[in-house]
Amino acid sequence: AILDGLKWLELEWEGEPVYQLARAARHREVAEQLLAEGKAYRCYATPAELEAMRERARAEGRAPGYDGTWRHREEKDAPEGISPAVRFKAPREGETVIEDRVQGRVVFANKDLDDLIILRSDGTPTYNLSVVVDDHDMGVTHVIRGDDHLTNTARQTQIYKALGWTTPIFSHVPLIHGPDGAKLSKRHGALGVDAYRLMG
């Protein structure tokens, strides 16, 4: 639908469209590189343990997040029958700064950003890893997206730095909201390009 909409609007593009799923092997390769460099680790936390972490955080009035249990543990301590996820070893000290072209300087305390999963336990890469690898490999210099992605951008910035790659220039635009204050979506009357084509 996106490609059809672009054609209808006579907006042409160079090269073939790139589908994230088709590049999963490349994303895994980068995850393995981060593991080899000690910038990621295998996490054997069970679903029950993760839920207990969330409950503990809620009880203490903190945002739910991973507590780093497997960050420094040995893989020989891994429980039987658990396929590990791979987590990025996020910096614990200091700040991650985004010099945004719309929002200005946005600062995240690193202690508030946990070790995100970059490979799920079934080996599939997650969005935050995939988008960094794809944008780097494709030479993307500018990223424009909704400001609901600011936290993702902080996480992605950490991955760029860990890999020694140049971070794109970011612009996070405010979202359009419906009359009830919720993000505009199809439920709120937001239409795809195809709907406008049908309306003439």
N, C-alpha and C. Protein backbone atom coordinates (compact mmCIF):
# COMPACT_ATOMS: atom_id res chain seq x y z
N ALA A 1 0.83 -1.20 0.00
CA ALA A 1 0.00 0.00 0.00
C ALA A 1 0.87 1.26 0.00
N ILE A 2 1.98 1.23 0.73
CA ILE A 2 2.88 2.39 0.77
C ILE A 2 3.49 2.63 -0.61
N LEU A 3 3.97 1.55 -1.23
CA LEU A 3 4.60 1.69 -2.55
C LEU A 3 3.58 2.14 -3.59
N ASP A 4 2.36 1.59 -3.53
CA ASP A 4 1.30 2.00 -4.46
C ASP A 4 0.97 3.48 -4.26
N GLY A 5 0.92 3.91 -3.00
CA GLY A 5 0.62 5.31 -2.71
C GLY A 5 1.69 6.24 -3.26
N LEU A 6 2.95 5.85 -3.11
CA LEU A 6 4.04 6.67 -3.63
C LEU A 6 3.96 6.77 -5.16
N LYS A 7 3.65 5.64 -5.81
CA LYS A 7 3.53 5.66 -7.28
C LYS A 7 2.40 6.58 -7.72
N TRP A 8 1.25 6.49 -7.01
CA TRP A 8 0.09 7.33 -7.35
C TRP A 8 0.43 8.81 -7.20
N LEU A 9 1.24 9.14 -6.19
CA LEU A 9 1.65 10.53 -5.97
C LEU A 9 2.82 10.93 -6.86
N GLU A 10 3.29 9.98 -7.71
CA GLU A 10 4.41 10.19 -8.62
C GLU A 10 5.70 10.56 -7.86
N LEU A 11 5.85 9.90 -6.71
CA LEU A 11 7.10 10.04 -5.94
C LEU A 11 7.94 8.79 -6.21
N GLU A 12 8.99 8.96 -6.97
CA GLU A 12 9.83 7.84 -7.38
C GLU A 12 10.95 7.63 -6.37
N TRP A 13 11.52 6.44 -6.34
CA TRP A 13 12.64 6.15 -5.45
C TRP A 13 13.72 5.42 -6.23
N GLU A 14 14.93 5.44 -5.66
CA GLU A 14 16.06 4.77 -6.30
C GLU A 14 16.23 3.38 -5.73
N GLY A 15 16.53 2.42 -6.57
CA GLY A 15 16.82 1.05 -6.12
C GLY A 15 15.56 0.30 -5.72
N GLU A 16 15.77 -0.92 -5.27
CA GLU A 16 14.66 -1.77 -4.84
C GLU A 16 14.31 -1.49 -3.38
N PRO A 17 13.04 -1.63 -3.03
CA PRO A 17 12.68 -1.48 -1.61
C PRO A 17 13.42 -2.53 -0.77
N VAL A 18 13.82 -2.14 0.43
CA VAL A 18 14.53 -3.04 1.34
C VAL A 18 13.58 -3.45 2.45
N TYR A 19 13.39 -4.76 2.61
CA TYR A 19 12.52 -5.28 3.66
C TYR A 19 13.38 -5.75 4.82
N GLN A 20 13.06 -5.23 6.01
CA GLN A 20 13.86 -5.53 7.19
C GLN A 20 14.03 -7.04 7.41
N LEU A 21 12.96 -7.78 7.27
CA LEU A 21 12.98 -9.23 7.51
C LEU A 21 14.01 -9.93 6.64
N ALA A 22 14.19 -9.45 5.40
CA ALA A 22 15.12 -10.08 4.47
C ALA A 22 16.57 -9.89 4.89
N ARG A 23 16.82 -8.97 5.83
CA ARG A 23 18.19 -8.66 6.26
C ARG A 23 18.51 -9.20 7.64
N ALA A 24 17.69 -10.12 8.12
CA ALA A 24 17.85 -10.65 9.49
C ALA A 24 19.24 -11.25 9.71
N ALA A 25 19.80 -11.90 8.71
CA ALA A 25 21.13 -12.51 8.87
C ALA A 25 22.19 -11.44 9.15
N ARG A 26 22.08 -10.31 8.47
CA ARG A 26 23.01 -9.19 8.69
C ARG A 26 22.83 -8.62 10.11
N HIS A 27 21.59 -8.51 10.54
CA HIS A 27 21.32 -7.99 11.89
C HIS A 27 21.92 -8.92 12.95
N ARG A 28 21.76 -10.23 12.74
CA ARG A 28 22.34 -11.21 13.68
C ARG A 28 23.86 -11.12 13.69
N GLU A 29 24.44 -10.91 12.52
CA GLU A 29 25.90 -10.78 12.41
C GLU A 29 26.41 -9.62 13.29
N VAL A 30 25.68 -8.49 13.28
CA VAL A 30 26.08 -7.34 14.09
C VAL A 30 25.88 -7.65 15.58
N ALA A 31 24.81 -8.36 15.92
CA ALA A 31 24.59 -8.77 17.31
C ALA A 31 25.74 -9.66 17.78
N GLU A 32 26.18 -10.57 16.93
CA GLU A 32 27.31 -11.45 17.27
C GLU A 32 28.59 -10.64 17.45
N GLN A 33 28.77 -9.61 16.63
CA GLN A 33 29.94 -8.73 16.77
C GLN A 33 29.90 -8.04 18.14
N LEU A 34 28.73 -7.53 18.53
CA LEU A 34 28.60 -6.87 19.84
C LEU A 34 28.88 -7.85 20.97
N LEU A 35 28.41 -9.10 20.82
CA LEU A 35 28.70 -10.13 21.83
C LEU A 35 30.21 -10.37 21.93
N ALA A 36 30.87 -10.52 20.77
CA ALA A 36 32.31 -10.82 20.74
C ALA A 36 33.12 -9.68 21.36
N GLU A 37 32.62 -8.45 21.23
CA GLU A 37 33.34 -7.28 21.76
C GLU A 37 32.96 -6.98 23.21
N GLY A 38 32.11 -7.82 23.82
CA GLY A 38 31.71 -7.59 25.20
C GLY A 38 30.72 -6.44 25.36
N LYS A 39 30.07 -6.06 24.27
CA LYS A 39 29.10 -4.95 24.31
C LYS A 39 27.66 -5.45 24.34
N ALA A 40 27.52 -6.76 24.43
CA ALA A 40 26.21 -7.41 24.56
C ALA A 40 26.44 -8.70 25.33
N TYR A 41 25.37 -9.30 25.81
CA TYR A 41 25.49 -10.55 26.58
C TYR A 41 24.22 -11.38 26.43
N ARG A 42 24.38 -12.67 26.70
CA ARG A 42 23.23 -13.58 26.64
C ARG A 42 22.48 -13.53 27.97
N CYS A 43 21.17 -13.41 27.87
CA CYS A 43 20.33 -13.30 29.06
C CYS A 43 19.41 -14.52 29.15
N TYR A 44 19.52 -15.24 30.27
CA TYR A 44 18.75 -16.47 30.46
C TYR A 44 17.58 -16.27 31.43
N ALA A 45 17.16 -15.03 31.63
CA ALA A 45 16.04 -14.77 32.55
C ALA A 45 14.77 -15.44 32.03
N THR A 46 14.05 -16.09 32.93
CA THR A 46 12.80 -16.76 32.56
C THR A 46 11.66 -15.74 32.53
N PRO A 47 10.56 -16.05 31.85
CA PRO A 47 9.40 -15.15 31.87
C PRO A 47 8.93 -14.83 33.30
N ALA A 48 8.99 -15.81 34.18
CA ALA A 48 8.57 -15.59 35.57
C ALA A 48 9.51 -14.59 36.26
N GLU A 49 10.81 -14.71 36.00
CA GLU A 49 11.78 -13.78 36.60
C GLU A 49 11.57 -12.36 36.08
N LEU A 50 11.29 -12.25 34.78
CA LEU A 50 11.06 -10.93 34.19
C LEU A 50 9.80 -10.29 34.76
N GLU A 51 8.77 -11.08 34.96
CA GLU A 51 7.53 -10.56 35.54
C GLU A 51 7.77 -10.12 36.98
N ALA A 52 8.57 -10.87 37.73
CA ALA A 52 8.90 -10.50 39.11
C ALA A 52 9.67 -9.17 39.14
N MET A 53 10.56 -8.95 38.16
CA MET A 53 11.29 -7.67 38.07
C MET A 53 10.32 -6.52 37.83
N ARG A 54 9.34 -6.74 36.93
CA ARG A 54 8.36 -5.70 36.64
C ARG A 54 7.54 -5.37 37.88
N GLU A 55 7.10 -6.42 38.59
CA GLU A 55 6.30 -6.22 39.81
C GLU A 55 7.10 -5.46 40.87
N ARG A 56 8.38 -5.83 41.03
CA ARG A 56 9.23 -5.17 42.01
C ARG A 56 9.38 -3.68 41.66
N ALA A 57 9.59 -3.39 40.38
CA ALA A 57 9.75 -1.99 39.94
C ALA A 57 8.47 -1.20 40.22
N ARG A 58 7.32 -1.81 39.89
CA ARG A 58 6.04 -1.11 40.14
C ARG A 58 5.86 -0.84 41.63
N ALA A 59 6.18 -1.84 42.46
CA ALA A 59 6.03 -1.69 43.91
C ALA A 59 6.92 -0.59 44.46
N GLU A 60 8.08 -0.39 43.82
CA GLU A 60 9.02 0.64 44.27
C GLU A 60 8.81 1.98 43.56
N GLY A 61 7.76 2.04 42.72
CA GLY A 61 7.46 3.29 42.01
C GLY A 61 8.41 3.62 40.88
N ARG A 62 9.10 2.60 40.36
CA ARG A 62 10.03 2.79 39.24
C ARG A 62 9.39 2.31 37.95
N ALA A 63 9.92 2.81 36.84
CA ALA A 63 9.46 2.30 35.54
C ALA A 63 9.93 0.85 35.40
N PRO A 64 9.06 -0.03 34.89
CA PRO A 64 9.48 -1.42 34.75
C PRO A 64 10.62 -1.54 33.73
N GLY A 65 11.62 -2.33 34.09
CA GLY A 65 12.75 -2.53 33.18
C GLY A 65 13.58 -3.70 33.67
N TYR A 66 14.48 -4.13 32.82
CA TYR A 66 15.34 -5.26 33.14
C TYR A 66 16.40 -4.82 34.14
N ASP A 67 16.65 -5.63 35.17
CA ASP A 67 17.55 -5.22 36.25
C ASP A 67 19.02 -5.61 36.03
N GLY A 68 19.34 -6.19 34.89
CA GLY A 68 20.75 -6.51 34.59
C GLY A 68 21.26 -7.79 35.22
N THR A 69 20.34 -8.67 35.65
CA THR A 69 20.72 -9.90 36.35
C THR A 69 21.83 -10.67 35.62
N TRP A 70 21.73 -10.82 34.30
CA TRP A 70 22.69 -11.63 33.54
C TRP A 70 23.84 -10.82 32.96
N ARG A 71 23.91 -9.55 33.30
CA ARG A 71 24.95 -8.67 32.74
C ARG A 71 26.36 -9.15 33.09
N HIS A 72 26.54 -9.67 34.31
CA HIS A 72 27.88 -10.09 34.75
C HIS A 72 27.93 -11.56 35.15
N ARG A 73 26.87 -12.31 34.90
CA ARG A 73 26.89 -13.73 35.28
C ARG A 73 27.55 -14.56 34.20
N GLU A 74 28.06 -15.69 34.60
CA GLU A 74 28.71 -16.61 33.67
C GLU A 74 27.66 -17.48 32.97
N GLU A 75 27.91 -17.78 31.70
CA GLU A 75 26.96 -18.63 30.97
C GLU A 75 26.91 -20.04 31.53
N LYS A 76 27.97 -20.45 32.25
CA LYS A 76 27.94 -21.79 32.87
C LYS A 76 26.86 -21.88 33.95
N ASP A 77 26.39 -20.72 34.44
CA ASP A 77 25.32 -20.69 35.44
C ASP A 77 23.93 -20.75 34.81
N ALA A 78 23.88 -20.84 33.48
CA ALA A 78 22.59 -20.79 32.78
C ALA A 78 21.71 -21.99 33.15
N PRO A 79 20.42 -21.74 33.36
CA PRO A 79 19.51 -22.84 33.66
C PRO A 79 19.30 -23.74 32.45
N GLU A 80 18.98 -24.99 32.70
CA GLU A 80 18.72 -25.95 31.63
C GLU A 80 17.46 -25.56 30.85
N GLY A 81 17.53 -25.77 29.54
CA GLY A 81 16.33 -25.64 28.71
C GLY A 81 15.86 -24.23 28.44
N ILE A 82 16.67 -23.22 28.77
CA ILE A 82 16.28 -21.84 28.48
C ILE A 82 17.11 -21.33 27.30
N SER A 83 16.41 -20.91 26.23
CA SER A 83 17.11 -20.30 25.09
C SER A 83 17.33 -18.83 25.43
N PRO A 84 18.57 -18.36 25.37
CA PRO A 84 18.82 -16.98 25.81
C PRO A 84 18.42 -15.95 24.76
N ALA A 85 18.03 -14.78 25.25
CA ALA A 85 17.95 -13.59 24.40
C ALA A 85 19.33 -12.93 24.46
N VAL A 86 19.61 -12.05 23.53
CA VAL A 86 20.85 -11.27 23.57
C VAL A 86 20.48 -9.83 23.91
N ARG A 87 21.11 -9.29 24.95
CA ARG A 87 20.85 -7.92 25.39
C ARG A 87 22.06 -7.04 25.11
N PHE A 88 21.78 -5.81 24.72
CA PHE A 88 22.82 -4.80 24.54
C PHE A 88 23.26 -4.31 25.91
N LYS A 89 24.57 -4.21 26.11
CA LYS A 89 25.10 -3.75 27.39
C LYS A 89 25.14 -2.21 27.37
N ALA A 90 24.03 -1.62 27.79
CA ALA A 90 23.91 -0.15 27.74
C ALA A 90 24.80 0.50 28.79
N PRO A 91 25.32 1.69 28.50
CA PRO A 91 26.13 2.38 29.52
C PRO A 91 25.29 2.70 30.75
N ARG A 92 25.87 2.54 31.93
CA ARG A 92 25.16 2.79 33.19
C ARG A 92 25.35 4.22 33.69
N GLU A 93 26.51 4.80 33.36
CA GLU A 93 26.84 6.14 33.86
C GLU A 93 26.59 7.18 32.78
N GLY A 94 26.49 8.43 33.20
CA GLY A 94 26.43 9.54 32.26
C GLY A 94 25.09 9.70 31.58
N GLU A 95 25.14 10.35 30.42
CA GLU A 95 23.92 10.70 29.69
C GLU A 95 24.05 10.34 28.22
N THR A 96 22.90 10.12 27.60
CA THR A 96 22.82 9.99 26.14
C THR A 96 22.10 11.23 25.64
N VAL A 97 22.75 11.95 24.73
CA VAL A 97 22.22 13.24 24.27
C VAL A 97 21.84 13.14 22.80
N ILE A 98 20.66 13.64 22.48
CA ILE A 98 20.21 13.73 21.08
C ILE A 98 20.10 15.22 20.75
N GLU A 99 20.85 15.64 19.74
CA GLU A 99 20.75 17.03 19.27
C GLU A 99 19.72 17.02 18.14
N ASP A 100 18.45 17.20 18.52
CA ASP A 100 17.34 17.03 17.58
C ASP A 100 17.05 18.33 16.84
N ARG A 101 16.80 18.24 15.54
CA ARG A 101 16.55 19.43 14.72
C ARG A 101 15.20 20.08 15.03
N VAL A 102 14.29 19.36 15.68
CA VAL A 102 12.97 19.92 16.03
C VAL A 102 12.86 20.13 17.54
N GLN A 103 13.24 19.11 18.31
CA GLN A 103 13.06 19.13 19.76
C GLN A 103 14.18 19.89 20.48
N GLY A 104 15.29 20.14 19.80
CA GLY A 104 16.45 20.73 20.45
C GLY A 104 17.27 19.65 21.14
N ARG A 105 17.96 20.02 22.20
CA ARG A 105 18.82 19.08 22.92
C ARG A 105 17.95 18.24 23.86
N VAL A 106 17.95 16.92 23.65
CA VAL A 106 17.18 16.00 24.49
C VAL A 106 18.17 15.11 25.22
N VAL A 107 18.06 15.08 26.56
CA VAL A 107 19.03 14.37 27.39
C VAL A 107 18.35 13.23 28.14
N PHE A 108 18.94 12.05 28.07
CA PHE A 108 18.47 10.87 28.81
C PHE A 108 19.55 10.45 29.80
N ALA A 109 19.19 10.28 31.06
CA ALA A 109 20.13 9.72 32.03
C ALA A 109 20.29 8.23 31.72
N ASN A 110 21.52 7.78 31.54
CA ASN A 110 21.76 6.38 31.16
C ASN A 110 21.21 5.39 32.19
N LYS A 111 21.15 5.79 33.45
CA LYS A 111 20.62 4.88 34.48
C LYS A 111 19.14 4.56 34.25
N ASP A 112 18.46 5.39 33.42
CA ASP A 112 17.04 5.17 33.15
C ASP A 112 16.79 4.31 31.91
N LEU A 113 17.87 3.94 31.21
CA LEU A 113 17.74 3.12 30.00
C LEU A 113 18.32 1.74 30.30
N ASP A 114 17.48 0.72 30.28
CA ASP A 114 17.96 -0.62 30.65
C ASP A 114 18.61 -1.32 29.45
N ASP A 115 19.09 -2.53 29.68
CA ASP A 115 19.76 -3.32 28.64
C ASP A 115 18.71 -3.95 27.72
N LEU A 116 18.47 -3.32 26.59
CA LEU A 116 17.41 -3.80 25.72
C LEU A 116 17.80 -5.08 24.98
N ILE A 117 16.80 -5.86 24.64
CA ILE A 117 17.01 -7.09 23.86
C ILE A 117 17.28 -6.69 22.40
N ILE A 118 18.36 -7.24 21.83
CA ILE A 118 18.64 -6.99 20.41
C ILE A 118 18.40 -8.25 19.56
N LEU A 119 18.46 -9.43 20.20
CA LEU A 119 18.06 -10.69 19.54
C LEU A 119 17.13 -11.43 20.50
N ARG A 120 15.96 -11.78 20.03
CA ARG A 120 15.03 -12.55 20.86
C ARG A 120 15.57 -13.96 21.05
N SER A 121 14.97 -14.70 21.97
CA SER A 121 15.46 -16.06 22.27
C SER A 121 15.32 -17.00 21.07
N ASP A 122 14.47 -16.66 20.09
CA ASP A 122 14.36 -17.49 18.88
C ASP A 122 15.33 -17.03 17.79
N GLY A 123 16.19 -16.05 18.12
CA GLY A 123 17.20 -15.58 17.16
C GLY A 123 16.75 -14.45 16.26
N THR A 124 15.49 -13.98 16.40
CA THR A 124 15.04 -12.89 15.53
C THR A 124 15.50 -11.56 16.10
N PRO A 125 15.99 -10.67 15.23
CA PRO A 125 16.46 -9.36 15.69
C PRO A 125 15.28 -8.46 16.06
N THR A 126 15.52 -7.51 16.95
CA THR A 126 14.48 -6.55 17.33
C THR A 126 14.63 -5.27 16.53
N TYR A 127 13.58 -4.48 16.55
CA TYR A 127 13.51 -3.23 15.78
C TYR A 127 14.71 -2.32 16.04
N ASN A 128 15.04 -2.09 17.31
CA ASN A 128 16.08 -1.09 17.61
C ASN A 128 17.45 -1.48 17.05
N LEU A 129 17.75 -2.76 16.97
CA LEU A 129 19.00 -3.19 16.33
C LEU A 129 18.86 -3.10 14.81
N SER A 130 17.78 -3.66 14.28
CA SER A 130 17.59 -3.74 12.82
C SER A 130 17.65 -2.37 12.16
N VAL A 131 16.98 -1.39 12.76
CA VAL A 131 16.90 -0.08 12.12
C VAL A 131 18.27 0.62 12.12
N VAL A 132 19.06 0.40 13.17
CA VAL A 132 20.41 0.97 13.19
C VAL A 132 21.26 0.36 12.09
N VAL A 133 21.24 -0.95 11.98
CA VAL A 133 22.07 -1.63 10.97
C VAL A 133 21.62 -1.24 9.56
N ASP A 134 20.31 -1.26 9.32
CA ASP A 134 19.82 -0.92 7.98
C ASP A 134 20.14 0.53 7.61
N ASP A 135 19.90 1.47 8.54
CA ASP A 135 20.17 2.87 8.23
C ASP A 135 21.67 3.09 7.98
N HIS A 136 22.52 2.43 8.78
CA HIS A 136 23.97 2.56 8.56
C HIS A 136 24.36 1.99 7.20
N ASP A 137 23.91 0.77 6.92
CA ASP A 137 24.31 0.10 5.68
C ASP A 137 23.80 0.84 4.44
N MET A 138 22.65 1.51 4.57
CA MET A 138 22.06 2.21 3.43
C MET A 138 22.54 3.66 3.32
N GLY A 139 23.39 4.08 4.25
CA GLY A 139 23.91 5.44 4.19
C GLY A 139 22.90 6.51 4.54
N VAL A 140 21.93 6.18 5.38
CA VAL A 140 20.91 7.15 5.78
C VAL A 140 21.56 8.24 6.63
N THR A 141 21.34 9.50 6.25
CA THR A 141 21.96 10.62 6.96
C THR A 141 20.98 11.38 7.84
N HIS A 142 19.68 11.35 7.50
CA HIS A 142 18.66 12.10 8.24
C HIS A 142 17.48 11.19 8.53
N VAL A 143 17.00 11.22 9.76
CA VAL A 143 15.83 10.43 10.16
C VAL A 143 14.77 11.39 10.69
N ILE A 144 13.59 11.36 10.08
CA ILE A 144 12.46 12.18 10.53
C ILE A 144 11.35 11.23 10.94
N ARG A 145 10.88 11.36 12.19
CA ARG A 145 9.82 10.48 12.66
C ARG A 145 9.11 11.13 13.84
N GLY A 146 8.07 10.46 14.33
CA GLY A 146 7.27 11.00 15.42
C GLY A 146 8.04 11.07 16.73
N ASP A 147 7.66 12.05 17.57
CA ASP A 147 8.39 12.22 18.82
C ASP A 147 8.10 11.12 19.84
N ASP A 148 7.19 10.20 19.51
CA ASP A 148 7.00 9.03 20.37
C ASP A 148 8.17 8.06 20.24
N HIS A 149 9.10 8.33 19.32
CA HIS A 149 10.28 7.47 19.13
C HIS A 149 11.52 8.00 19.84
N LEU A 150 11.39 9.06 20.63
CA LEU A 150 12.59 9.65 21.24
C LEU A 150 13.36 8.68 22.12
N THR A 151 12.65 7.87 22.92
CA THR A 151 13.35 6.90 23.77
C THR A 151 14.05 5.86 22.90
N ASN A 152 13.39 5.41 21.81
CA ASN A 152 14.04 4.49 20.88
C ASN A 152 15.31 5.12 20.31
N THR A 153 15.25 6.41 20.00
CA THR A 153 16.41 7.09 19.43
C THR A 153 17.58 7.11 20.42
N ALA A 154 17.28 7.31 21.70
CA ALA A 154 18.34 7.26 22.71
C ALA A 154 19.00 5.88 22.71
N ARG A 155 18.20 4.83 22.68
CA ARG A 155 18.72 3.46 22.66
C ARG A 155 19.54 3.21 21.40
N GLN A 156 19.01 3.67 20.27
CA GLN A 156 19.70 3.48 18.99
C GLN A 156 21.02 4.25 18.97
N THR A 157 21.03 5.45 19.56
CA THR A 157 22.25 6.25 19.63
C THR A 157 23.33 5.49 20.38
N GLN A 158 22.96 4.80 21.46
CA GLN A 158 23.92 4.00 22.21
C GLN A 158 24.50 2.87 21.36
N ILE A 159 23.64 2.25 20.54
CA ILE A 159 24.10 1.16 19.66
C ILE A 159 25.06 1.71 18.59
N TYR A 160 24.69 2.85 17.98
CA TYR A 160 25.58 3.49 16.99
C TYR A 160 26.97 3.71 17.60
N LYS A 161 26.99 4.27 18.81
CA LYS A 161 28.27 4.59 19.45
C LYS A 161 29.06 3.33 19.76
N ALA A 162 28.37 2.28 20.22
CA ALA A 162 29.05 1.02 20.53
C ALA A 162 29.70 0.42 19.29
N LEU A 163 29.09 0.64 18.13
CA LEU A 163 29.62 0.10 16.88
C LEU A 163 30.62 1.05 16.20
N GLY A 164 30.76 2.26 16.74
CA GLY A 164 31.67 3.23 16.14
C GLY A 164 31.14 3.82 14.84
N TRP A 165 29.82 3.82 14.68
CA TRP A 165 29.19 4.33 13.46
C TRP A 165 28.70 5.75 13.67
N THR A 166 28.63 6.52 12.58
CA THR A 166 28.11 7.89 12.63
C THR A 166 26.60 7.86 12.85
N THR A 167 26.14 8.67 13.80
CA THR A 167 24.71 8.75 14.09
C THR A 167 24.05 9.69 13.09
N PRO A 168 22.89 9.32 12.55
CA PRO A 168 22.20 10.24 11.63
C PRO A 168 21.75 11.50 12.36
N ILE A 169 21.34 12.50 11.59
CA ILE A 169 20.71 13.71 12.14
C ILE A 169 19.24 13.38 12.36
N PHE A 170 18.76 13.61 13.57
CA PHE A 170 17.38 13.25 13.92
C PHE A 170 16.48 14.48 14.00
N SER A 171 15.25 14.30 13.53
CA SER A 171 14.19 15.30 13.68
C SER A 171 12.94 14.55 14.14
N HIS A 172 12.48 14.86 15.35
CA HIS A 172 11.28 14.21 15.88
C HIS A 172 10.13 15.21 15.89
N VAL A 173 9.14 14.92 15.07
CA VAL A 173 8.02 15.86 14.90
C VAL A 173 6.88 15.48 15.86
N PRO A 174 6.16 16.50 16.35
CA PRO A 174 5.03 16.20 17.23
C PRO A 174 3.99 15.35 16.49
N LEU A 175 3.28 14.53 17.25
CA LEU A 175 2.24 13.68 16.68
C LEU A 175 0.95 14.49 16.50
N ILE A 176 0.12 14.03 15.58
CA ILE A 176 -1.20 14.63 15.40
C ILE A 176 -2.16 13.84 16.28
N HIS A 177 -2.96 14.54 17.06
CA HIS A 177 -3.87 13.89 18.00
C HIS A 177 -5.32 14.11 17.60
N GLY A 178 -6.15 13.13 17.94
CA GLY A 178 -7.58 13.23 17.71
C GLY A 178 -8.23 14.11 18.77
N PRO A 179 -9.55 14.36 18.64
CA PRO A 179 -10.25 15.23 19.60
C PRO A 179 -10.17 14.74 21.05
N ASP A 180 -9.97 13.43 21.23
CA ASP A 180 -9.90 12.89 22.60
C ASP A 180 -8.47 12.94 23.17
N GLY A 181 -7.54 13.51 22.41
CA GLY A 181 -6.17 13.62 22.88
C GLY A 181 -5.30 12.42 22.54
N ALA A 182 -5.91 11.35 22.02
CA ALA A 182 -5.14 10.15 21.66
C ALA A 182 -4.46 10.35 20.31
N LYS A 183 -3.35 9.62 20.12
CA LYS A 183 -2.62 9.69 18.85
C LYS A 183 -3.57 9.38 17.70
N LEU A 184 -3.51 10.19 16.65
CA LEU A 184 -4.39 9.98 15.51
C LEU A 184 -4.09 8.64 14.85
N SER A 185 -5.12 7.87 14.61
CA SER A 185 -4.96 6.55 14.00
C SER A 185 -6.19 6.30 13.14
N LYS A 186 -6.25 5.12 12.54
CA LYS A 186 -7.42 4.81 11.70
C LYS A 186 -8.71 4.88 12.51
N ARG A 187 -8.62 4.50 13.80
CA ARG A 187 -9.82 4.57 14.66
C ARG A 187 -10.32 6.00 14.82
N HIS A 188 -9.37 6.96 14.73
CA HIS A 188 -9.72 8.36 14.93
C HIS A 188 -9.95 9.09 13.62
N GLY A 189 -9.97 8.37 12.52
CA GLY A 189 -10.25 9.01 11.24
C GLY A 189 -9.03 9.31 10.39
N ALA A 190 -7.85 8.88 10.82
CA ALA A 190 -6.67 9.05 9.97
C ALA A 190 -6.78 8.09 8.79
N LEU A 191 -6.53 8.59 7.61
CA LEU A 191 -6.71 7.78 6.41
C LEU A 191 -5.39 7.53 5.71
N GLY A 192 -5.31 6.36 5.06
CA GLY A 192 -4.15 6.05 4.23
C GLY A 192 -4.31 6.75 2.89
N VAL A 193 -3.21 6.83 2.13
CA VAL A 193 -3.24 7.49 0.82
C VAL A 193 -4.30 6.86 -0.08
N ASP A 194 -4.46 5.51 0.03
CA ASP A 194 -5.42 4.83 -0.85
C ASP A 194 -6.83 5.36 -0.67
N ALA A 195 -7.18 5.78 0.56
CA ALA A 195 -8.53 6.31 0.80
C ALA A 195 -8.74 7.62 0.05
N TYR A 196 -7.71 8.47 -0.01
CA TYR A 196 -7.83 9.73 -0.74
C TYR A 196 -7.93 9.48 -2.24
N ARG A 197 -7.23 8.47 -2.73
CA ARG A 197 -7.30 8.12 -4.15
C ARG A 197 -8.73 7.69 -4.49
N LEU A 198 -9.33 6.87 -3.60
CA LEU A 198 -10.71 6.40 -3.82
C LEU A 198 -11.69 7.56 -3.79
N MET A 199 -11.41 8.59 -3.00
CA MET A 199 -12.30 9.75 -2.91
C MET A 199 -12.11 10.70 -4.10
N GLY A 200 -11.12 10.38 -4.94
CA GLY A 200 -10.88 11.23 -6.11
C GLY A 200 -10.03 12.44 -5.82
